[in-house]
N, C-alpha and C. Protein backbone atom coordinates (compact mmCIF):
# COMPACT_ATOMS: atom_id res chain seq x y z
N MET A 1 0.86 -1.17 -0.01
CA MET A 1 0.00 0.01 0.00
C MET A 1 0.90 1.24 0.00
N GLY A 2 0.74 2.12 -1.00
CA GLY A 2 1.52 3.35 -1.08
C GLY A 2 1.02 4.39 -0.10
N ASN A 3 1.84 5.40 0.14
CA ASN A 3 1.45 6.46 1.06
C ASN A 3 0.15 7.16 0.66
N ALA A 4 -0.08 7.32 -0.66
CA ALA A 4 -1.27 8.02 -1.12
C ALA A 4 -2.54 7.25 -0.79
N ASP A 5 -2.42 5.92 -0.57
CA ASP A 5 -3.59 5.09 -0.25
C ASP A 5 -3.95 5.12 1.22
N ARG A 6 -3.07 5.59 2.06
CA ARG A 6 -3.33 5.62 3.47
C ARG A 6 -4.13 6.87 3.83
N PRO A 7 -5.16 6.73 4.66
CA PRO A 7 -6.01 7.89 5.00
C PRO A 7 -5.22 9.08 5.56
N GLU A 8 -4.17 8.84 6.34
CA GLU A 8 -3.44 9.95 6.93
C GLU A 8 -2.58 10.68 5.91
N HIS A 9 -2.41 10.14 4.68
CA HIS A 9 -1.60 10.78 3.65
C HIS A 9 -2.43 11.31 2.50
N ARG A 10 -3.73 11.25 2.58
CA ARG A 10 -4.59 11.76 1.53
C ARG A 10 -4.71 13.28 1.63
N GLU A 11 -4.74 13.93 0.46
CA GLU A 11 -4.98 15.36 0.43
C GLU A 11 -6.40 15.65 0.92
N PRO A 12 -6.57 16.75 1.62
CA PRO A 12 -7.95 17.13 1.99
C PRO A 12 -8.74 17.35 0.69
N SER A 13 -9.97 16.87 0.67
CA SER A 13 -10.75 16.98 -0.56
C SER A 13 -12.09 17.61 -0.31
N MET A 14 -12.71 18.00 -1.42
CA MET A 14 -14.02 18.64 -1.39
C MET A 14 -14.84 18.13 -2.57
N ARG A 15 -16.15 18.37 -2.52
CA ARG A 15 -17.00 18.08 -3.66
C ARG A 15 -17.16 19.36 -4.48
N ALA A 16 -17.21 19.19 -5.79
CA ALA A 16 -17.38 20.33 -6.67
C ALA A 16 -18.25 19.94 -7.86
N LEU A 17 -18.94 20.91 -8.41
CA LEU A 17 -19.74 20.70 -9.62
C LEU A 17 -18.83 21.03 -10.80
N VAL A 18 -18.46 20.03 -11.58
CA VAL A 18 -17.45 20.18 -12.64
C VAL A 18 -18.02 19.86 -14.01
N HIS A 19 -17.31 20.34 -15.02
CA HIS A 19 -17.62 19.99 -16.41
C HIS A 19 -16.32 19.98 -17.20
N ASP A 20 -16.17 18.99 -18.09
CA ASP A 20 -14.95 18.89 -18.90
C ASP A 20 -15.22 19.22 -20.36
N ARG A 21 -16.45 19.61 -20.66
CA ARG A 21 -16.80 20.03 -22.02
C ARG A 21 -17.95 21.03 -21.93
N TYR A 22 -18.14 21.79 -22.98
CA TYR A 22 -19.25 22.75 -23.02
C TYR A 22 -20.53 22.03 -23.43
N GLY A 23 -21.66 22.56 -22.96
CA GLY A 23 -22.93 21.99 -23.34
C GLY A 23 -24.04 22.41 -22.40
N PRO A 24 -25.17 21.67 -22.46
CA PRO A 24 -26.31 21.98 -21.61
C PRO A 24 -25.98 21.59 -20.17
N PRO A 25 -26.86 21.92 -19.22
CA PRO A 25 -26.59 21.62 -17.81
C PRO A 25 -26.23 20.16 -17.51
N ASP A 26 -26.66 19.21 -18.35
CA ASP A 26 -26.34 17.82 -18.03
C ASP A 26 -24.87 17.46 -18.25
N VAL A 27 -24.02 18.41 -18.72
CA VAL A 27 -22.57 18.15 -18.78
C VAL A 27 -21.94 18.31 -17.39
N LEU A 28 -22.69 18.87 -16.44
CA LEU A 28 -22.19 19.07 -15.09
C LEU A 28 -22.31 17.79 -14.27
N GLY A 29 -21.33 17.55 -13.44
CA GLY A 29 -21.37 16.41 -12.56
C GLY A 29 -20.61 16.70 -11.28
N VAL A 30 -20.91 15.96 -10.22
CA VAL A 30 -20.23 16.13 -8.95
C VAL A 30 -18.96 15.28 -8.95
N ALA A 31 -17.85 15.89 -8.53
CA ALA A 31 -16.57 15.19 -8.48
C ALA A 31 -15.82 15.61 -7.20
N THR A 32 -14.86 14.80 -6.83
CA THR A 32 -14.00 15.11 -5.69
C THR A 32 -12.75 15.80 -6.22
N ARG A 33 -12.40 16.89 -5.61
CA ARG A 33 -11.22 17.65 -5.98
C ARG A 33 -10.43 17.99 -4.71
N ALA A 34 -9.16 18.30 -4.88
CA ALA A 34 -8.34 18.78 -3.75
C ALA A 34 -8.82 20.15 -3.35
N ILE A 35 -8.79 20.44 -2.06
CA ILE A 35 -9.15 21.77 -1.58
C ILE A 35 -8.04 22.72 -2.00
N PRO A 36 -8.41 23.85 -2.62
CA PRO A 36 -7.38 24.79 -3.07
C PRO A 36 -6.56 25.34 -1.91
N THR A 37 -5.33 25.66 -2.19
CA THR A 37 -4.46 26.31 -1.22
C THR A 37 -4.34 27.78 -1.62
N PRO A 38 -4.63 28.70 -0.72
CA PRO A 38 -4.56 30.12 -1.10
C PRO A 38 -3.12 30.56 -1.33
N GLY A 39 -2.94 31.39 -2.38
CA GLY A 39 -1.66 31.99 -2.66
C GLY A 39 -1.42 33.14 -1.70
N PRO A 40 -0.29 33.82 -1.81
CA PRO A 40 0.07 34.90 -0.88
C PRO A 40 -0.98 36.02 -0.76
N ARG A 41 -1.68 36.31 -1.85
CA ARG A 41 -2.67 37.40 -1.85
C ARG A 41 -4.09 36.85 -2.00
N GLU A 42 -4.30 35.60 -1.65
CA GLU A 42 -5.61 34.96 -1.81
C GLU A 42 -6.20 34.52 -0.49
N VAL A 43 -7.51 34.24 -0.53
CA VAL A 43 -8.25 33.79 0.63
C VAL A 43 -8.98 32.51 0.28
N LEU A 44 -8.95 31.52 1.16
CA LEU A 44 -9.73 30.30 0.98
C LEU A 44 -11.04 30.47 1.74
N VAL A 45 -12.17 30.26 1.03
CA VAL A 45 -13.49 30.46 1.62
C VAL A 45 -14.24 29.13 1.61
N ARG A 46 -14.83 28.78 2.73
CA ARG A 46 -15.78 27.66 2.78
C ARG A 46 -17.09 28.23 2.27
N VAL A 47 -17.57 27.70 1.15
CA VAL A 47 -18.73 28.24 0.48
C VAL A 47 -20.03 27.80 1.18
N HIS A 48 -20.86 28.78 1.50
CA HIS A 48 -22.18 28.50 2.08
C HIS A 48 -23.29 28.73 1.07
N ALA A 49 -23.10 29.67 0.13
CA ALA A 49 -24.11 29.98 -0.87
C ALA A 49 -23.43 30.49 -2.13
N VAL A 50 -24.04 30.21 -3.27
CA VAL A 50 -23.53 30.67 -4.56
C VAL A 50 -24.63 31.34 -5.34
N GLY A 51 -24.25 32.16 -6.29
CA GLY A 51 -25.22 32.78 -7.20
C GLY A 51 -25.16 32.08 -8.54
N LEU A 52 -26.31 31.78 -9.08
CA LEU A 52 -26.39 31.19 -10.42
C LEU A 52 -27.06 32.24 -11.31
N ASP A 53 -26.33 32.70 -12.29
CA ASP A 53 -26.86 33.73 -13.16
C ASP A 53 -26.46 33.43 -14.61
N ARG A 54 -26.77 34.35 -15.49
CA ARG A 54 -26.48 34.16 -16.92
C ARG A 54 -25.01 33.94 -17.17
N GLY A 55 -24.14 34.58 -16.36
CA GLY A 55 -22.70 34.41 -16.54
C GLY A 55 -22.26 32.97 -16.35
N VAL A 56 -22.83 32.27 -15.38
CA VAL A 56 -22.50 30.85 -15.14
C VAL A 56 -22.97 30.03 -16.33
N TRP A 57 -24.15 30.36 -16.85
CA TRP A 57 -24.67 29.64 -18.02
C TRP A 57 -23.70 29.79 -19.19
N HIS A 58 -23.15 30.99 -19.38
CA HIS A 58 -22.19 31.20 -20.47
C HIS A 58 -20.93 30.37 -20.25
N LEU A 59 -20.46 30.27 -19.01
CA LEU A 59 -19.28 29.46 -18.71
C LEU A 59 -19.51 27.99 -18.99
N VAL A 60 -20.71 27.49 -18.70
CA VAL A 60 -21.01 26.07 -18.89
C VAL A 60 -21.22 25.75 -20.36
N THR A 61 -21.93 26.63 -21.08
CA THR A 61 -22.24 26.35 -22.49
C THR A 61 -21.13 26.77 -23.45
N GLY A 62 -20.24 27.67 -22.99
CA GLY A 62 -19.16 28.14 -23.86
C GLY A 62 -19.64 29.12 -24.91
N THR A 63 -20.74 29.79 -24.63
CA THR A 63 -21.27 30.76 -25.59
C THR A 63 -21.34 32.14 -24.91
N PRO A 64 -21.21 33.17 -25.65
CA PRO A 64 -20.97 33.25 -27.07
C PRO A 64 -19.56 32.79 -27.40
N TYR A 65 -19.39 32.31 -28.61
CA TYR A 65 -18.09 31.74 -29.01
C TYR A 65 -16.95 32.74 -28.92
N VAL A 66 -17.24 34.01 -29.05
CA VAL A 66 -16.23 35.04 -28.93
C VAL A 66 -15.56 35.02 -27.55
N ALA A 67 -16.20 34.46 -26.54
CA ALA A 67 -15.64 34.37 -25.20
C ALA A 67 -14.64 33.23 -25.04
N ARG A 68 -14.66 32.28 -25.98
CA ARG A 68 -13.81 31.09 -25.84
C ARG A 68 -12.30 31.34 -25.68
N PRO A 69 -11.73 32.36 -26.35
CA PRO A 69 -10.29 32.60 -26.07
C PRO A 69 -10.01 32.86 -24.59
N ALA A 70 -10.94 33.45 -23.90
CA ALA A 70 -10.75 33.77 -22.48
C ALA A 70 -11.11 32.60 -21.57
N ILE A 71 -12.10 31.76 -21.94
CA ILE A 71 -12.57 30.71 -21.04
C ILE A 71 -12.15 29.31 -21.46
N GLY A 72 -11.51 29.18 -22.63
CA GLY A 72 -11.07 27.88 -23.13
C GLY A 72 -11.65 27.62 -24.52
N LEU A 73 -10.81 27.38 -25.50
CA LEU A 73 -11.27 27.22 -26.87
C LEU A 73 -12.14 25.99 -27.08
N ARG A 74 -11.61 24.81 -26.74
CA ARG A 74 -12.34 23.56 -27.01
C ARG A 74 -13.02 22.96 -25.78
N ARG A 75 -12.51 23.31 -24.61
CA ARG A 75 -13.10 22.85 -23.36
C ARG A 75 -12.83 23.91 -22.30
N PRO A 76 -13.55 23.87 -21.19
CA PRO A 76 -13.40 24.91 -20.16
C PRO A 76 -11.99 24.90 -19.56
N ARG A 77 -11.39 26.05 -19.49
CA ARG A 77 -10.10 26.18 -18.82
C ARG A 77 -10.27 25.98 -17.31
N GLN A 78 -11.38 26.42 -16.76
CA GLN A 78 -11.69 26.26 -15.35
C GLN A 78 -12.79 25.20 -15.25
N PRO A 79 -12.48 23.97 -14.82
CA PRO A 79 -13.48 22.91 -14.79
C PRO A 79 -14.60 23.09 -13.78
N VAL A 80 -14.35 23.93 -12.76
CA VAL A 80 -15.40 24.22 -11.77
C VAL A 80 -15.99 25.60 -12.12
N ALA A 81 -17.25 25.62 -12.48
CA ALA A 81 -17.90 26.88 -12.85
C ALA A 81 -18.28 27.67 -11.60
N GLY A 82 -18.84 28.85 -11.81
CA GLY A 82 -19.33 29.67 -10.73
C GLY A 82 -18.45 30.89 -10.51
N THR A 83 -19.09 32.00 -10.16
CA THR A 83 -18.35 33.24 -9.94
C THR A 83 -18.77 34.00 -8.68
N ASP A 84 -19.92 33.72 -8.12
CA ASP A 84 -20.41 34.44 -6.93
C ASP A 84 -20.47 33.53 -5.74
N LEU A 85 -20.17 34.07 -4.54
CA LEU A 85 -20.23 33.21 -3.35
C LEU A 85 -20.46 34.03 -2.10
N ALA A 86 -20.89 33.34 -1.08
CA ALA A 86 -20.93 33.84 0.30
C ALA A 86 -20.42 32.70 1.17
N GLY A 87 -19.64 33.01 2.17
CA GLY A 87 -19.12 31.95 3.01
C GLY A 87 -18.29 32.47 4.15
N THR A 88 -17.44 31.58 4.66
CA THR A 88 -16.58 31.88 5.81
C THR A 88 -15.12 31.68 5.43
N VAL A 89 -14.28 32.61 5.79
CA VAL A 89 -12.85 32.52 5.53
C VAL A 89 -12.29 31.34 6.33
N GLU A 90 -11.59 30.47 5.63
CA GLU A 90 -10.93 29.30 6.27
C GLU A 90 -9.44 29.55 6.44
N ALA A 91 -8.82 30.21 5.45
CA ALA A 91 -7.38 30.47 5.50
C ALA A 91 -7.08 31.71 4.67
N VAL A 92 -5.99 32.40 5.01
CA VAL A 92 -5.59 33.58 4.26
C VAL A 92 -4.12 33.44 3.87
N GLY A 93 -3.77 34.05 2.72
CA GLY A 93 -2.39 34.07 2.28
C GLY A 93 -1.56 35.01 3.14
N ALA A 94 -0.25 34.86 3.05
CA ALA A 94 0.68 35.64 3.88
C ALA A 94 0.57 37.12 3.69
N GLU A 95 0.17 37.59 2.51
CA GLU A 95 0.11 39.04 2.24
C GLU A 95 -1.30 39.63 2.41
N VAL A 96 -2.25 38.84 2.87
CA VAL A 96 -3.63 39.32 3.02
C VAL A 96 -3.75 40.08 4.33
N GLU A 97 -4.35 41.25 4.23
CA GLU A 97 -4.60 42.09 5.41
C GLU A 97 -6.10 42.34 5.52
N GLY A 98 -6.62 42.44 6.73
CA GLY A 98 -7.99 42.82 6.94
C GLY A 98 -8.96 41.65 6.98
N LEU A 99 -8.52 40.45 6.72
CA LEU A 99 -9.38 39.26 6.83
C LEU A 99 -8.67 38.22 7.64
N ARG A 100 -9.46 37.41 8.36
CA ARG A 100 -8.87 36.31 9.13
C ARG A 100 -9.86 35.14 9.14
N PRO A 101 -9.38 33.94 9.42
CA PRO A 101 -10.28 32.79 9.47
C PRO A 101 -11.45 33.05 10.41
N GLY A 102 -12.63 32.66 9.95
CA GLY A 102 -13.85 32.86 10.71
C GLY A 102 -14.67 34.05 10.23
N ASP A 103 -14.06 34.95 9.46
CA ASP A 103 -14.79 36.11 8.95
C ASP A 103 -15.83 35.67 7.91
N ALA A 104 -17.03 36.26 7.99
CA ALA A 104 -18.06 36.03 6.97
C ALA A 104 -17.77 36.98 5.81
N VAL A 105 -17.82 36.43 4.58
CA VAL A 105 -17.51 37.22 3.38
C VAL A 105 -18.49 36.89 2.27
N TYR A 106 -18.56 37.78 1.29
CA TYR A 106 -19.24 37.52 0.04
C TYR A 106 -18.48 38.25 -1.06
N GLY A 107 -18.64 37.76 -2.30
CA GLY A 107 -17.93 38.39 -3.42
C GLY A 107 -17.88 37.50 -4.62
N THR A 108 -16.85 37.72 -5.43
CA THR A 108 -16.66 36.95 -6.64
C THR A 108 -15.32 36.21 -6.58
N ALA A 109 -15.29 35.05 -7.25
CA ALA A 109 -14.09 34.24 -7.31
C ALA A 109 -14.27 33.27 -8.47
N ARG A 110 -13.23 32.54 -8.78
CA ARG A 110 -13.32 31.48 -9.79
C ARG A 110 -13.69 30.15 -9.12
N GLY A 111 -14.50 29.36 -9.81
CA GLY A 111 -14.79 28.03 -9.33
C GLY A 111 -15.57 27.97 -8.04
N THR A 112 -16.65 28.72 -7.94
CA THR A 112 -17.40 28.81 -6.68
C THR A 112 -18.42 27.69 -6.49
N LEU A 113 -18.69 26.89 -7.51
CA LEU A 113 -19.65 25.80 -7.34
C LEU A 113 -18.95 24.60 -6.72
N ALA A 114 -18.45 24.82 -5.52
CA ALA A 114 -17.67 23.81 -4.79
C ALA A 114 -17.81 24.11 -3.30
N GLU A 115 -17.32 23.18 -2.49
CA GLU A 115 -17.38 23.40 -1.04
C GLU A 115 -16.39 24.48 -0.58
N TYR A 116 -15.29 24.65 -1.33
CA TYR A 116 -14.30 25.69 -1.02
C TYR A 116 -13.91 26.39 -2.30
N ALA A 117 -13.61 27.68 -2.19
CA ALA A 117 -13.16 28.45 -3.35
C ALA A 117 -12.12 29.44 -2.88
């Protein structure tokens, strides 16, 4: 049994709503992903609520096609859709000021249709 197979050596994981191709809502599925690690100027948020709007629909369907250079030509560059969230700060990067774990926040981020963003 390798170290990755032992429970004490597994990366912390979360559930996320992902898609690996553009299309109607049925291209979305629940998958297990590693919990993101915040960079020096980033915040990790435990997501409590998300917003679903026309922008998320565009990210999932890949339309209008003129947006594809920014979001991925043939498939989504960001497999976890979503841009709006509300939640609780879990961790902060070394250069973040004014926020600390436990703070309630709301705003925009990439990949918010997950347990953490």
